[in-house]
C-alpha cells in the first residue's frame, strides 16, 4: 500500500470514529491526548499504515472571547502527544477541542475558537510541534485499562478497510467529524458552525503572535 499521504476516506473514518468514541467513553478527549494518539495508531494499523505516538512540546493559536489571540498547548514542563504517520504527516485530533480547557497558566482566559484537527505534512504557522521522541502507551490504572479496552474494541469493529468497502458499495460517502480538520494538500474542511472561518478572521485581523518556542 504505497500512498504519499493517508487516503482521504481513511482520514474521515479514523478521525470520526476515534474522536467520537473517546469523547463518549471518557467524557472529554481534550483530557486524554495520549489515549487519542494511541487510538489513531491502532486504527491506522488496521489499514496497513505505520504510525507512531510522538511526545514533546506542541503549541497552537487560540482565539479568546474578546477576539484576541494566545498560544496554547504544552511546553516547558508539560508534554503533549500526537501521531506521526509513515508519510511524514502530523496527526492531532485534539487541537479542535482545546478551547474546552482553560490555559493552565492563565485560567481566567476563556478561549472561544481553536484551530482545526491536524492531519497533514504542511503545517500552517499557527501550529508548532517539537518532537522529543516516540512514546508507548503503558496502562496500570484499572480505569485507564477499561477505557482503552472499550476504545480499541470500537476501533477494531469500525476502523477497517471492510467498513470503507461496505460504505462504498452502499453509495455512502465517508463522514468526517463535525469539527474543522486540516487534511493533506492544505485541504481544509470546516464544521457546520463555520468555526474555522471565525478563527481565520481573528488571525487575519490580529496577525499571529510570537511563538513560545
C-alpha atoms as a PDB file:
ATOM      1  CA  UNK A   1       0.000   0.000   0.000  1.00  0.00           C
ATOM      2  CA  UNK A   2       2.079   2.950  -1.166  1.00  0.00           C
ATOM      3  CA  UNK A   3       0.434   6.348  -0.921  1.00  0.00           C
ATOM      4  CA  UNK A   4       2.345   9.545  -0.334  1.00  0.00           C
ATOM      5  CA  UNK A   5      -0.388  10.501   2.080  1.00  0.00           C
ATOM      6  CA  UNK A   6      -3.131   8.835   4.053  1.00  0.00           C
ATOM      7  CA  UNK A   7      -6.151   8.309   1.747  1.00  0.00           C
ATOM      8  CA  UNK A   8      -8.895  10.843   2.462  1.00  0.00           C
ATOM      9  CA  UNK A   9     -11.544   8.173   3.181  1.00  0.00           C
ATOM     10  CA  UNK A  10      -9.250   6.658   5.842  1.00  0.00           C
ATOM     11  CA  UNK A  11      -8.728  10.109   7.408  1.00  0.00           C
ATOM     12  CA  UNK A  12     -12.504  10.612   7.515  1.00  0.00           C
ATOM     13  CA  UNK A  13     -13.178   7.227   9.088  1.00  0.00           C
ATOM     14  CA  UNK A  14     -10.362   7.322  11.662  1.00  0.00           C
ATOM     15  CA  UNK A  15     -10.852  10.954  12.728  1.00  0.00           C
ATOM     16  CA  UNK A  16     -14.594  10.428  13.176  1.00  0.00           C
ATOM     17  CA  UNK A  17     -14.532   7.070  14.988  1.00  0.00           C
ATOM     18  CA  UNK A  18     -11.586   7.943  17.262  1.00  0.00           C
ATOM     19  CA  UNK A  19     -12.792  11.418  18.251  1.00  0.00           C
ATOM     20  CA  UNK A  20     -16.420  10.425  18.807  1.00  0.00           C
ATOM     21  CA  UNK A  21     -15.751   7.171  20.645  1.00  0.00           C
ATOM     22  CA  UNK A  22     -13.171   8.723  23.017  1.00  0.00           C
ATOM     23  CA  UNK A  23     -15.411  11.726  23.732  1.00  0.00           C
ATOM     24  CA  UNK A  24     -18.218   9.316  24.568  1.00  0.00           C
ATOM     25  CA  UNK A  25     -16.134   6.873  26.626  1.00  0.00           C
ATOM     26  CA  UNK A  26     -14.074   9.439  28.598  1.00  0.00           C
ATOM     27  CA  UNK A  27     -16.466  12.403  28.633  1.00  0.00           C
ATOM     28  CA  UNK A  28     -13.886  14.722  27.016  1.00  0.00           C
ATOM     29  CA  UNK A  29     -10.974  13.703  24.804  1.00  0.00           C
ATOM     30  CA  UNK A  30      -9.180  17.012  25.419  1.00  0.00           C
ATOM     31  CA  UNK A  31      -8.075  15.490  28.760  1.00  0.00           C
ATOM     32  CA  UNK A  32      -6.548  12.326  27.231  1.00  0.00           C
ATOM     33  CA  UNK A  33      -4.237  13.181  24.287  1.00  0.00           C
ATOM     34  CA  UNK A  34      -2.150  10.012  24.801  1.00  0.00           C
ATOM     35  CA  UNK A  35      -5.244   7.809  24.528  1.00  0.00           C
ATOM     36  CA  UNK A  36      -6.306   9.654  21.362  1.00  0.00           C
ATOM     37  CA  UNK A  37      -2.855   9.254  19.779  1.00  0.00           C
ATOM     38  CA  UNK A  38      -2.711   5.543  20.695  1.00  0.00           C
ATOM     39  CA  UNK A  39      -6.169   5.014  19.174  1.00  0.00           C
ATOM     40  CA  UNK A  40      -5.129   6.701  15.898  1.00  0.00           C
ATOM     41  CA  UNK A  41      -2.025   4.464  15.666  1.00  0.00           C
ATOM     42  CA  UNK A  42      -4.176   1.387  16.308  1.00  0.00           C
ATOM     43  CA  UNK A  43      -6.766   2.436  13.702  1.00  0.00           C
ATOM     44  CA  UNK A  44      -4.137   3.135  11.037  1.00  0.00           C
ATOM     45  CA  UNK A  45      -2.563  -0.271  11.682  1.00  0.00           C
ATOM     46  CA  UNK A  46      -5.872  -1.824  10.535  1.00  0.00           C
ATOM     47  CA  UNK A  47      -5.349  -0.022   7.206  1.00  0.00           C
ATOM     48  CA  UNK A  48      -1.720  -1.145   6.871  1.00  0.00           C
ATOM     49  CA  UNK A  49      -0.370   2.343   7.603  1.00  0.00           C
ATOM     50  CA  UNK A  50       2.537   2.703  10.013  1.00  0.00           C
ATOM     51  CA  UNK A  51       2.339   5.427  12.621  1.00  0.00           C
ATOM     52  CA  UNK A  52       3.952   6.268  15.956  1.00  0.00           C
ATOM     53  CA  UNK A  53       2.920   8.201  19.040  1.00  0.00           C
ATOM     54  CA  UNK A  54       5.177  11.251  19.429  1.00  0.00           C
ATOM     55  CA  UNK A  55       5.732  13.339  22.535  1.00  0.00           C
ATOM     56  CA  UNK A  56       7.228  16.777  23.029  1.00  0.00           C
ATOM     57  CA  UNK A  57       6.327  20.443  23.012  1.00  0.00           C
ATOM     58  CA  UNK A  58       3.296  21.496  20.993  1.00  0.00           C
ATOM     59  CA  UNK A  59       1.516  24.820  20.693  1.00  0.00           C
ATOM     60  CA  UNK A  60      -1.279  26.350  18.652  1.00  0.00           C
ATOM     61  CA  UNK A  61      -3.010  29.703  18.467  1.00  0.00           C
ATOM     62  CA  UNK A  62      -6.434  30.110  20.092  1.00  0.00           C
ATOM     63  CA  UNK A  63      -8.946  32.933  19.765  1.00  0.00           C
ATOM     64  CA  UNK A  64     -10.295  34.267  23.061  1.00  0.00           C
ATOM     65  CA  UNK A  65     -13.832  35.534  23.631  1.00  0.00           C
ATOM     66  CA  UNK A  66     -12.674  39.146  23.148  1.00  0.00           C
ATOM     67  CA  UNK A  67     -11.160  38.071  19.774  1.00  0.00           C
ATOM     68  CA  UNK A  68      -7.563  38.465  20.954  1.00  0.00           C
ATOM     69  CA  UNK A  69      -5.083  35.641  20.281  1.00  0.00           C
ATOM     70  CA  UNK A  70      -2.919  33.500  22.562  1.00  0.00           C
ATOM     71  CA  UNK A  71      -0.657  30.472  22.167  1.00  0.00           C
ATOM     72  CA  UNK A  72      -1.999  27.436  23.963  1.00  0.00           C
ATOM     73  CA  UNK A  73      -0.684  23.866  24.283  1.00  0.00           C
ATOM     74  CA  UNK A  74       2.099  22.133  26.223  1.00  0.00           C
ATOM     75  CA  UNK A  75       5.722  23.233  26.511  1.00  0.00           C
ATOM     76  CA  UNK A  76       8.297  23.772  29.242  1.00  0.00           C
ATOM     77  CA  UNK A  77       7.367  21.285  31.966  1.00  0.00           C
ATOM     78  CA  UNK A  78       4.316  19.965  30.047  1.00  0.00           C
ATOM     79  CA  UNK A  79       4.291  17.372  27.276  1.00  0.00           C
ATOM     80  CA  UNK A  80       1.788  16.821  24.507  1.00  0.00           C
ATOM     81  CA  UNK A  81       1.146  13.636  22.488  1.00  0.00           C
ATOM     82  CA  UNK A  82       0.359  13.367  18.789  1.00  0.00           C
ATOM     83  CA  UNK A  83       0.936  10.939  15.892  1.00  0.00           C
ATOM     84  CA  UNK A  84       3.483  10.820  13.067  1.00  0.00           C
ATOM     85  CA  UNK A  85       2.500   8.675  10.057  1.00  0.00           C
ATOM     86  CA  UNK A  86       4.838   6.889   7.644  1.00  0.00           C
ATOM     87  CA  UNK A  87       4.123   9.713   5.160  1.00  0.00           C
ATOM     88  CA  UNK A  88       5.531  12.373   7.494  1.00  0.00           C
ATOM     89  CA  UNK A  89       2.078  13.676   8.470  1.00  0.00           C
ATOM     90  CA  UNK A  90       1.385  15.191  11.865  1.00  0.00           C
ATOM     91  CA  UNK A  91      -1.941  13.902  13.224  1.00  0.00           C
ATOM     92  CA  UNK A  92      -3.530  15.630  16.216  1.00  0.00           C
ATOM     93  CA  UNK A  93      -7.267  15.182  16.772  1.00  0.00           C
ATOM     94  CA  UNK A  94      -7.231  17.266  19.970  1.00  0.00           C
ATOM     95  CA  UNK A  95      -6.409  20.748  18.695  1.00  0.00           C
ATOM     96  CA  UNK A  96     -10.011  21.395  17.598  1.00  0.00           C
ATOM     97  CA  UNK A  97     -11.333  20.840  21.148  1.00  0.00           C
ATOM     98  CA  UNK A  98      -8.527  22.587  23.002  1.00  0.00           C
ATOM     99  CA  UNK A  99     -10.881  25.538  23.711  1.00  0.00           C
ATOM    100  CA  UNK A 100     -12.780  23.257  26.125  1.00  0.00           C
ATOM    101  CA  UNK A 101      -9.879  23.694  28.554  1.00  0.00           C
ATOM    102  CA  UNK A 102      -8.664  26.960  30.026  1.00  0.00           C
ATOM    103  CA  UNK A 103      -4.921  27.715  29.765  1.00  0.00           C
ATOM    104  CA  UNK A 104      -3.040  26.263  32.793  1.00  0.00           C
ATOM    105  CA  UNK A 105      -1.002  29.391  33.419  1.00  0.00           C
ATOM    106  CA  UNK A 106      -3.891  31.837  32.883  1.00  0.00           C
ATOM    107  CA  UNK A 107      -7.160  30.161  33.934  1.00  0.00           C
ATOM    108  CA  UNK A 108      -9.043  33.491  33.781  1.00  0.00           C
ATOM    109  CA  UNK A 109      -8.806  33.451  29.970  1.00  0.00           C
ATOM    110  CA  UNK A 110     -11.692  31.845  28.095  1.00  0.00           C
ATOM    111  CA  UNK A 111     -10.891  30.504  24.596  1.00  0.00           C
ATOM    112  CA  UNK A 112     -13.702  30.718  22.026  1.00  0.00           C
ATOM    113  CA  UNK A 113     -12.075  29.068  18.967  1.00  0.00           C
ATOM    114  CA  UNK A 114      -9.276  26.568  18.499  1.00  0.00           C
ATOM    115  CA  UNK A 115      -7.504  25.649  15.263  1.00  0.00           C
ATOM    116  CA  UNK A 116      -8.650  22.618  13.234  1.00  0.00           C
ATOM    117  CA  UNK A 117      -7.734  18.993  13.854  1.00  0.00           C
ATOM    118  CA  UNK A 118      -4.419  18.328  12.086  1.00  0.00           C
ATOM    119  CA  UNK A 119      -3.716  15.564   9.553  1.00  0.00           C
ATOM    120  CA  UNK A 120      -1.050  16.945   7.235  1.00  0.00           C
ATOM    121  CA  UNK A 121       2.654  17.394   6.473  1.00  0.00           C
ATOM    122  CA  UNK A 122       2.206  21.083   5.687  1.00  0.00           C
ATOM    123  CA  UNK A 123       1.599  22.824   8.993  1.00  0.00           C
ATOM    124  CA  UNK A 124       0.380  26.425   8.944  1.00  0.00           C
ATOM    125  CA  UNK A 125       2.197  28.915  11.178  1.00  0.00           C
ATOM    126  CA  UNK A 126      -0.474  28.755  13.882  1.00  0.00           C
ATOM    127  CA  UNK A 127       0.794  25.302  14.942  1.00  0.00           C
ATOM    128  CA  UNK A 128       4.181  24.340  16.412  1.00  0.00           C
ATOM    129  CA  UNK A 129       5.266  20.735  17.054  1.00  0.00           C
ATOM    130  CA  UNK A 130       8.685  19.906  18.506  1.00  0.00           C
ATOM    131  CA  UNK A 131       9.025  16.124  18.899  1.00  0.00           C
ATOM    132  CA  UNK A 132      11.355  14.833  21.611  1.00  0.00           C
ATOM    133  CA  UNK A 133      10.811  11.131  20.919  1.00  0.00           C
ATOM    134  CA  UNK A 134       8.348   8.302  20.375  1.00  0.00           C
ATOM    135  CA  UNK A 135       6.049   7.161  23.204  1.00  0.00           C
ATOM    136  CA  UNK A 136       4.345   3.913  24.136  1.00  0.00           C
ATOM    137  CA  UNK A 137       1.051   3.596  25.959  1.00  0.00           C
ATOM    138  CA  UNK A 138       1.562   1.800  29.284  1.00  0.00           C
ATOM    139  CA  UNK A 139      -1.545   1.358  31.390  1.00  0.00           C
ATOM    140  CA  UNK A 140      -1.646   0.319  35.040  1.00  0.00           C
ATOM    141  CA  UNK A 141      -4.733   2.149  36.343  1.00  0.00           C
ATOM    142  CA  UNK A 142      -7.822  -0.137  36.039  1.00  0.00           C
ATOM    143  CA  UNK A 143      -9.916   2.846  34.873  1.00  0.00           C
ATOM    144  CA  UNK A 144      -7.429   3.592  32.059  1.00  0.00           C
ATOM    145  CA  UNK A 145      -7.282  -0.087  31.081  1.00  0.00           C
ATOM    146  CA  UNK A 146     -11.080  -0.232  30.916  1.00  0.00           C
ATOM    147  CA  UNK A 147     -11.223   2.909  28.742  1.00  0.00           C
ATOM    148  CA  UNK A 148      -8.548   1.576  26.404  1.00  0.00           C
ATOM    149  CA  UNK A 149     -10.316  -1.784  26.053  1.00  0.00           C
ATOM    150  CA  UNK A 150     -13.575  -0.045  25.114  1.00  0.00           C
ATOM    151  CA  UNK A 151     -11.885   2.316  22.643  1.00  0.00           C
ATOM    152  CA  UNK A 152      -9.802  -0.399  20.973  1.00  0.00           C
ATOM    153  CA  UNK A 153     -12.869  -2.633  20.636  1.00  0.00           C
ATOM    154  CA  UNK A 154     -14.696   0.113  18.703  1.00  0.00           C
ATOM    155  CA  UNK A 155     -11.643   0.694  16.535  1.00  0.00           C
ATOM    156  CA  UNK A 156     -11.337  -2.995  15.698  1.00  0.00           C
ATOM    157  CA  UNK A 157     -15.001  -3.058  14.653  1.00  0.00           C
ATOM    158  CA  UNK A 158     -15.368   0.281  12.882  1.00  0.00           C
ATOM    159  CA  UNK A 159     -11.943   1.461  11.624  1.00  0.00           C
ATOM    160  CA  UNK A 160     -11.382  -1.157   8.933  1.00  0.00           C
ATOM    161  CA  UNK A 161     -10.972  -1.447   5.159  1.00  0.00           C
ATOM    162  CA  UNK A 162     -14.074  -3.678   5.076  1.00  0.00           C
ATOM    163  CA  UNK A 163     -16.181  -0.865   6.619  1.00  0.00           C
ATOM    164  CA  UNK A 164     -14.853   1.504   3.927  1.00  0.00           C
ATOM    165  CA  UNK A 165     -15.705  -1.063   1.251  1.00  0.00           C
ATOM    166  CA  UNK A 166     -19.189  -1.545   2.685  1.00  0.00           C
ATOM    167  CA  UNK A 167     -19.872   2.202   2.674  1.00  0.00           C
ATOM    168  CA  UNK A 168     -18.614   2.440  -0.908  1.00  0.00           C
ATOM    169  CA  UNK A 169     -20.849  -0.434  -2.052  1.00  0.00           C
ATOM    170  CA  UNK A 170     -23.845   1.228  -0.401  1.00  0.00           C
ATOM    171  CA  UNK A 171     -23.022   4.523  -2.107  1.00  0.00           C
ATOM    172  CA  UNK A 172     -22.268   6.280   1.193  1.00  0.00           C
ATOM    173  CA  UNK A 173     -19.535   8.894   1.395  1.00  0.00           C
ATOM    174  CA  UNK A 174     -17.229   8.753   4.392  1.00  0.00           C
ATOM    175  CA  UNK A 175     -18.394  11.237   7.015  1.00  0.00           C
ATOM    176  CA  UNK A 176     -15.891  13.466   8.778  1.00  0.00           C
ATOM    177  CA  UNK A 177     -16.482  14.540  12.387  1.00  0.00           C
ATOM    178  CA  UNK A 178     -18.385  17.840  12.709  1.00  0.00           C
ATOM    179  CA  UNK A 179     -15.215  19.725  13.634  1.00  0.00           C
ATOM    180  CA  UNK A 180     -12.792  21.638  11.401  1.00  0.00           C
ATOM    181  CA  UNK A 181      -9.958  19.442  10.081  1.00  0.00           C
ATOM    182  CA  UNK A 182      -6.857  20.227   8.040  1.00  0.00           C
ATOM    183  CA  UNK A 183      -6.127  17.402   5.568  1.00  0.00           C
ATOM    184  CA  UNK A 184      -3.168  16.735   3.236  1.00  0.00           C
ATOM    185  CA  UNK A 185      -2.632  19.237   0.434  1.00  0.00           C
ATOM    186  CA  UNK A 186      -3.866  22.107   2.645  1.00  0.00           C
ATOM    187  CA  UNK A 187      -7.427  20.881   2.234  1.00  0.00           C
ATOM    188  CA  UNK A 188      -9.480  22.490   4.990  1.00  0.00           C
ATOM    189  CA  UNK A 189     -12.922  21.175   5.929  1.00  0.00           C
ATOM    190  CA  UNK A 190     -14.928  23.433   8.232  1.00  0.00           C
ATOM    191  CA  UNK A 191     -17.685  22.363  10.618  1.00  0.00           C
ATOM    192  CA  UNK A 192     -21.368  23.308  10.445  1.00  0.00           C
ATOM    193  CA  UNK A 193     -20.759  26.284  12.794  1.00  0.00           C
ATOM    194  CA  UNK A 194     -18.031  27.676  10.490  1.00  0.00           C
ATOM    195  CA  UNK A 195     -15.613  27.647  13.412  1.00  0.00           C
ATOM    196  CA  UNK A 196     -12.571  27.866  11.164  1.00  0.00           C
ATOM    197  CA  UNK A 197     -13.972  30.903   9.411  1.00  0.00           C
ATOM    198  CA  UNK A 198     -14.275  32.713  12.755  1.00  0.00           C
ATOM    199  CA  UNK A 199     -10.800  31.527  13.782  1.00  0.00           C
ATOM    200  CA  UNK A 200      -9.250  32.605  10.469  1.00  0.00           C
ATOM    201  CA  UNK A 201     -10.940  36.007  10.580  1.00  0.00           C
ATOM    202  CA  UNK A 202      -9.437  36.763  14.014  1.00  0.00           C
ATOM    203  CA  UNK A 203      -5.998  35.730  12.733  1.00  0.00           C
ATOM    204  CA  UNK A 204      -6.235  37.969   9.677  1.00  0.00           C
ATOM    205  CA  UNK A 205      -7.227  40.941  11.893  1.00  0.00           C
ATOM    206  CA  UNK A 206      -4.608  40.497  14.630  1.00  0.00           C
ATOM    207  CA  UNK A 207      -1.777  38.543  12.990  1.00  0.00           C
ATOM    208  CA  UNK A 208      -0.102  35.524  14.605  1.00  0.00           C
ATOM    209  CA  UNK A 209       1.606  36.361  17.921  1.00  0.00           C
ATOM    210  CA  UNK A 210       5.244  35.426  18.685  1.00  0.00           C
ATOM    211  CA  UNK A 211       5.548  31.652  19.233  1.00  0.00           C
ATOM    212  CA  UNK A 212       6.530  30.449  22.750  1.00  0.00           C
ATOM    213  CA  UNK A 213       9.338  28.239  21.374  1.00  0.00           C
END
